[in-house]
Amino acid sequence: MEGENNNRQMPKFAGVEEMAEYFDSIDTEELEWQDSQIEFERPEMVHITVRIPKEDLVAIKRVARKHGLGYTAFIRMMLHYAINAGDGS
């Protein structure tokens, strides 16, 4: 029927699993969406120089490529992971 609003309001969820089940079971075009302003803060980057064995760099580049990443992004990601794994998070 023309002019009829079939859009549903999004319910509140108790957890991520409940939310995932909900989105897996509906057509998201039926939801009433709202525009929102999202801002991402990029951390300040600094340049460093690190000397590593050539063989290690070759291996890093190979693994990074396998994951679809540039090798410097891969190194940053691994460093970030190692730092955060050490504090229990």
Protein backbone atom coordinates (compact mmCIF):
# COMPACT_ATOMS: atom_id res chain seq x y z
CA MET A 1 0.00 0.00 0.00
CA GLU A 2 1.45 3.35 -1.04
CA GLY A 3 2.53 5.67 1.79
CA GLU A 4 2.44 2.86 4.35
CA ASN A 5 5.49 2.71 6.62
CA ASN A 6 6.61 -0.92 6.90
CA ASN A 7 9.88 0.02 8.59
CA ARG A 8 10.62 -1.52 11.97
CA GLN A 9 12.40 0.08 14.88
CA MET A 10 15.60 -1.69 15.88
CA PRO A 11 15.19 -3.49 19.23
CA LYS A 12 17.59 -3.30 22.17
CA PHE A 13 19.94 -6.27 22.51
CA ALA A 14 21.22 -8.05 25.62
CA GLY A 15 24.47 -9.00 23.89
CA VAL A 16 26.39 -9.39 20.65
CA GLU A 17 25.10 -12.93 20.06
CA GLU A 18 21.48 -11.76 20.30
CA MET A 19 22.20 -8.89 17.92
CA ALA A 20 23.91 -11.23 15.42
CA GLU A 21 20.95 -13.63 15.48
CA TYR A 22 18.56 -10.73 14.88
CA PHE A 23 20.45 -9.38 11.86
CA ASP A 24 20.87 -12.89 10.44
CA SER A 25 17.10 -13.38 10.51
CA ILE A 26 15.78 -10.15 8.95
CA ASP A 27 15.96 -8.07 5.81
CA THR A 28 17.79 -4.93 6.97
CA GLU A 29 15.94 -2.85 4.37
CA GLU A 30 12.91 -3.18 6.66
CA LEU A 31 14.66 -1.27 9.43
CA GLU A 32 14.29 2.44 10.04
CA TRP A 33 17.86 3.75 9.74
CA GLN A 34 19.20 6.98 11.17
CA ASP A 35 22.17 8.94 9.88
CA SER A 36 24.91 9.42 12.42
CA GLN A 37 28.14 11.33 12.54
CA ILE A 38 31.04 8.99 13.19
CA GLU A 39 34.52 10.35 13.64
CA PHE A 40 37.60 8.19 13.66
CA GLU A 41 40.71 9.42 15.37
CA ARG A 42 43.93 8.33 13.77
CA PRO A 43 46.79 7.97 16.24
CA GLU A 44 49.81 10.19 15.77
CA MET A 45 52.45 8.24 13.88
CA VAL A 46 56.21 8.54 14.31
CA HIS A 47 59.00 7.31 12.05
CA ILE A 48 61.52 4.82 13.40
CA THR A 49 64.33 2.76 11.94
CA VAL A 50 64.70 -0.88 12.87
CA ARG A 51 67.39 -3.21 11.61
CA ILE A 52 66.28 -6.81 11.13
CA PRO A 53 67.77 -9.76 9.28
CA LYS A 54 67.00 -9.78 5.56
CA GLU A 55 65.44 -13.23 5.83
CA ASP A 56 63.00 -11.94 8.47
CA LEU A 57 61.90 -9.08 6.22
CA VAL A 58 61.36 -11.50 3.33
CA ALA A 59 59.21 -13.70 5.60
CA ILE A 60 57.29 -10.68 6.94
CA LYS A 61 56.52 -9.49 3.42
CA ARG A 62 55.37 -12.98 2.41
CA VAL A 63 53.01 -13.33 5.39
CA ALA A 64 51.72 -9.76 5.00
CA ARG A 65 50.95 -10.39 1.33
CA LYS A 66 49.13 -13.61 2.29
CA HIS A 67 46.88 -11.51 4.56
CA GLY A 68 46.38 -8.81 1.94
CA LEU A 69 48.39 -6.21 3.87
CA GLY A 70 51.39 -4.06 3.20
CA TYR A 71 54.37 -5.21 5.22
CA THR A 72 54.64 -2.02 7.29
CA ALA A 73 50.95 -2.21 8.23
CA PHE A 74 51.48 -5.87 9.12
CA ILE A 75 54.47 -5.03 11.32
CA ARG A 76 52.44 -2.31 13.11
CA MET A 77 49.57 -4.74 13.62
CA MET A 78 51.86 -7.42 15.06
CA LEU A 79 53.59 -4.93 17.36
CA HIS A 80 50.23 -3.65 18.58
CA TYR A 81 49.04 -7.22 19.17
CA ALA A 82 52.21 -8.14 21.09
CA ILE A 83 51.97 -5.06 23.29
CA ASN A 84 48.31 -5.65 24.14
CA ALA A 85 48.76 -9.39 24.70
CA GLY A 86 51.26 -8.58 27.41
CA ASP A 87 48.76 -6.61 29.52
CA GLY A 88 46.07 -9.30 29.51
CA SER A 89 43.64 -7.60 27.11
